[in-house]
C-alpha atoms as a PDB file:
ATOM      1  CA  VAL A   1       0.000   0.000   0.000  1.00  0.00           C
ATOM      2  CA  PHE A   2       1.435   3.355  -1.070  1.00  0.00           C
ATOM      3  CA  ASN A   3      -1.495   5.713  -0.542  1.00  0.00           C
ATOM      4  CA  SER A   4      -0.840   7.868   2.550  1.00  0.00           C
ATOM      5  CA  ALA A   5      -4.530   8.013   3.500  1.00  0.00           C
ATOM      6  CA  LEU A   6      -4.775   4.218   3.454  1.00  0.00           C
ATOM      7  CA  LEU A   7      -1.524   3.993   5.389  1.00  0.00           C
ATOM      8  CA  ARG A   8      -2.961   6.267   8.102  1.00  0.00           C
ATOM      9  CA  ILE A   9      -6.098   4.109   8.279  1.00  0.00           C
ATOM     10  CA  MET A  10      -3.999   0.973   8.602  1.00  0.00           C
ATOM     11  CA  LEU A  11      -1.926   2.671  11.307  1.00  0.00           C
ATOM     12  CA  ILE A  12      -5.058   3.582  13.271  1.00  0.00           C
ATOM     13  CA  GLU A  13      -6.428   0.048  12.934  1.00  0.00           C
ATOM     14  CA  GLY A  14      -3.186  -1.274  14.390  1.00  0.00           C
ATOM     15  CA  ASN A  15      -1.940  -3.162  11.330  1.00  0.00           C
ATOM     16  CA  SER A  16       1.795  -3.685  11.240  1.00  0.00           C
ATOM     17  CA  LEU A  17       3.549  -1.381   8.820  1.00  0.00           C
ATOM     18  CA  ALA A  18       7.115  -0.926   7.685  1.00  0.00           C
ATOM     19  CA  THR A  19       8.942   2.095   9.073  1.00  0.00           C
ATOM     20  CA  TRP A  20       8.884   3.905   5.731  1.00  0.00           C
ATOM     21  CA  GLN A  21       5.095   3.433   5.584  1.00  0.00           C
ATOM     22  CA  ILE A  22       4.645   4.886   9.078  1.00  0.00           C
ATOM     23  CA  TRP A  23       6.890   7.799   8.173  1.00  0.00           C
ATOM     24  CA  LYS A  24       4.988   8.432   4.924  1.00  0.00           C
ATOM     25  CA  ALA A  25       1.597   8.311   6.680  1.00  0.00           C
ATOM     26  CA  LEU A  26       2.623  10.738   9.416  1.00  0.00           C
ATOM     27  CA  TRP A  27       4.654  13.017   7.149  1.00  0.00           C
ATOM     28  CA  SER A  28       1.824  13.495   4.678  1.00  0.00           C
ATOM     29  CA  ALA A  29      -0.637  14.161   7.512  1.00  0.00           C
ATOM     30  CA  ILE A  30       1.590  16.860   8.993  1.00  0.00           C
ATOM     31  CA  GLN A  31       2.835  18.289   5.706  1.00  0.00           C
ATOM     32  CA  LYS A  32      -0.547  18.981   4.128  1.00  0.00           C
ATOM     33  CA  ARG A  33      -2.807  19.745   7.080  1.00  0.00           C
ATOM     34  CA  GLY A  34      -1.625  23.162   8.233  1.00  0.00           C
ATOM     35  CA  PHE A  35       0.349  22.003  11.228  1.00  0.00           C
ATOM     36  CA  TYR A  36       3.024  24.567  10.495  1.00  0.00           C
ATOM     37  CA  TYR A  37       1.376  26.995  12.916  1.00  0.00           C
ATOM     38  CA  TYR A  38       1.343  25.613  16.429  1.00  0.00           C
ATOM     39  CA  ASP A  39      -0.680  26.982  19.329  1.00  0.00           C
ATOM     40  CA  TRP A  40       2.440  27.540  21.349  1.00  0.00           C
ATOM     41  CA  LYS A  41       4.096  29.402  18.490  1.00  0.00           C
ATOM     42  CA  SER A  42       1.920  32.463  19.155  1.00  0.00           C
ATOM     43  CA  ILE A  43       2.823  32.659  22.848  1.00  0.00           C
ATOM     44  CA  PRO A  44       5.881  34.907  22.413  1.00  0.00           C
ATOM     45  CA  ALA A  45       3.784  37.437  20.482  1.00  0.00           C
ATOM     46  CA  ASP A  46       1.127  37.317  23.204  1.00  0.00           C
ATOM     47  CA  LEU A  47       3.784  37.809  25.860  1.00  0.00           C
ATOM     48  CA  LYS A  48       5.199  40.782  23.978  1.00  0.00           C
ATOM     49  CA  ASN A  49       1.741  42.351  23.938  1.00  0.00           C
ATOM     50  CA  VAL A  50       1.310  41.711  27.647  1.00  0.00           C
ATOM     51  CA  GLU A  51       4.774  43.098  28.387  1.00  0.00           C
ATOM     52  CA  LYS A  52       3.951  46.201  26.369  1.00  0.00           C
ATOM     53  CA  ASN A  53       0.636  46.601  28.247  1.00  0.00           C
ATOM     54  CA  VAL A  54       2.389  46.231  31.587  1.00  0.00           C
ATOM     55  CA  GLU A  55       5.054  48.769  30.584  1.00  0.00           C
ATOM     56  CA  ASN A  56       2.356  51.236  29.506  1.00  0.00           C
ATOM     57  CA  LEU A  57       0.435  50.671  32.722  1.00  0.00           C
ATOM     58  CA  LEU A  58       3.531  51.234  34.843  1.00  0.00           C
ATOM     59  CA  LYS A  59       4.283  54.444  32.927  1.00  0.00           C
ATOM     60  CA  GLN A  60       0.693  55.622  33.509  1.00  0.00           C
ATOM     61  CA  LYS A  61       1.059  54.863  37.211  1.00  0.00           C
ATOM     62  CA  LYS A  62       4.284  56.845  37.426  1.00  0.00           C
ATOM     63  CA  ASP A  63       2.689  59.796  35.612  1.00  0.00           C
ATOM     64  CA  LEU A  64      -0.363  59.727  37.896  1.00  0.00           C
ATOM     65  CA  GLU A  65       1.776  59.563  41.027  1.00  0.00           C
ATOM     66  CA  GLU A  66       3.917  62.475  39.818  1.00  0.00           C
ATOM     67  CA  LYS A  67       0.815  64.572  39.072  1.00  0.00           C
ATOM     68  CA  ILE A  68      -0.641  63.800  42.494  1.00  0.00           C
ATOM     69  CA  GLU A  69       2.638  64.690  44.205  1.00  0.00           C
ATOM     70  CA  PHE A  70       2.876  67.967  42.255  1.00  0.00           C
ATOM     71  CA  LEU A  71      -0.714  68.937  43.018  1.00  0.00           C
ATOM     72  CA  GLU A  72      -0.340  68.112  46.712  1.00  0.00           C
ATOM     73  CA  SER A  73       2.758  70.296  46.948  1.00  0.00           C
ATOM     74  CA  ALA A  74       0.931  73.060  45.075  1.00  0.00           C
ATOM     75  CA  LYS A  75      -1.997  72.697  47.476  1.00  0.00           C
ATOM     76  CA  LYS A  76       0.316  73.080  50.486  1.00  0.00           C
ATOM     77  CA  ALA A  77       1.990  76.124  48.957  1.00  0.00           C
ATOM     78  CA  SER A  78      -1.280  77.801  48.006  1.00  0.00           C
ATOM     79  CA  LYS A  79      -2.738  80.444  50.312  1.00  0.00           C
ATOM     80  CA  ASN A  80      -5.990  80.834  48.401  1.00  0.00           C
ATOM     81  CA  ARG A  81      -8.836  78.761  49.863  1.00  0.00           C
ATOM     82  CA  LEU A  82     -10.690  78.352  46.541  1.00  0.00           C
ATOM     83  CA  GLU A  83      -7.525  77.260  44.804  1.00  0.00           C
ATOM     84  CA  LYS A  84      -6.911  74.689  47.551  1.00  0.00           C
ATOM     85  CA  GLU A  85     -10.427  73.281  47.032  1.00  0.00           C
ATOM     86  CA  GLU A  86      -9.893  73.017  43.275  1.00  0.00           C
ATOM     87  CA  LEU A  87      -6.563  71.272  43.823  1.00  0.00           C
ATOM     88  CA  LYS A  88      -8.193  68.938  46.335  1.00  0.00           C
ATOM     89  CA  ASP A  89     -10.851  67.993  43.757  1.00  0.00           C
ATOM     90  CA  GLU A  90      -8.201  67.454  41.112  1.00  0.00           C
ATOM     91  CA  ILE A  91      -6.165  65.272  43.486  1.00  0.00           C
ATOM     92  CA  SER A  92      -9.268  63.218  44.289  1.00  0.00           C
ATOM     93  CA  ALA A  93      -9.934  62.701  40.576  1.00  0.00           C
ATOM     94  CA  LEU A  94      -6.342  61.569  40.012  1.00  0.00           C
ATOM     95  CA  LYS A  95      -6.506  59.211  42.991  1.00  0.00           C
ATOM     96  CA  SER A  96      -9.659  57.594  41.583  1.00  0.00           C
ATOM     97  CA  GLU A  97      -7.863  57.312  38.243  1.00  0.00           C
ATOM     98  CA  LEU A  98      -4.989  55.614  40.082  1.00  0.00           C
ATOM     99  CA  LYS A  99      -7.460  53.177  41.660  1.00  0.00           C
ATOM    100  CA  ALA A 100      -8.854  52.363  38.188  1.00  0.00           C
ATOM    101  CA  TRP A 101      -5.267  51.853  37.040  1.00  0.00           C
ATOM    102  CA  LYS A 102      -4.675  49.361  39.871  1.00  0.00           C
ATOM    103  CA  ASP A 103      -7.805  47.421  38.872  1.00  0.00           C
ATOM    104  CA  GLU A 104      -6.665  47.244  35.245  1.00  0.00           C
ATOM    105  CA  TYR A 105      -3.162  46.200  36.297  1.00  0.00           C
ATOM    106  CA  GLU A 106      -4.540  43.424  38.501  1.00  0.00           C
ATOM    107  CA  SER A 107      -6.698  42.125  35.635  1.00  0.00           C
ATOM    108  CA  VAL A 108      -3.638  41.982  33.351  1.00  0.00           C
ATOM    109  CA  ILE A 109      -1.665  40.104  36.014  1.00  0.00           C
ATOM    110  CA  GLN A 110      -4.572  37.691  36.568  1.00  0.00           C
ATOM    111  CA  SER A 111      -4.770  37.013  32.832  1.00  0.00           C
ATOM    112  CA  LEU A 112      -1.085  36.081  32.910  1.00  0.00           C
ATOM    113  CA  GLU A 113      -1.666  33.602  35.705  1.00  0.00           C
ATOM    114  CA  ARG A 114      -4.286  31.694  33.697  1.00  0.00           C
END
């Protein structure tokens, strides 16, 4: 038998085959069935995307923390009561943004653990 489909059927049924027949059956199955792209082949690309997301998230965190620090120092230096209230509101908004950042960061980390 030289037909690779018949060889695969014989292999599944458990018939004894010569080594070249086994090789031909398996080689033709792999060669023509799109097994060039493996599931695990895409993992490095996925990891690069995750690494990029984490880097962006860490940069956002740093920016938010710097803004909060700047506004808090400006609030301490300010003598105007209205200005202090505005700065306080702005700081609160940035702190809630930082909390949202933490939630997003945790979801990215949890997706990595799966």
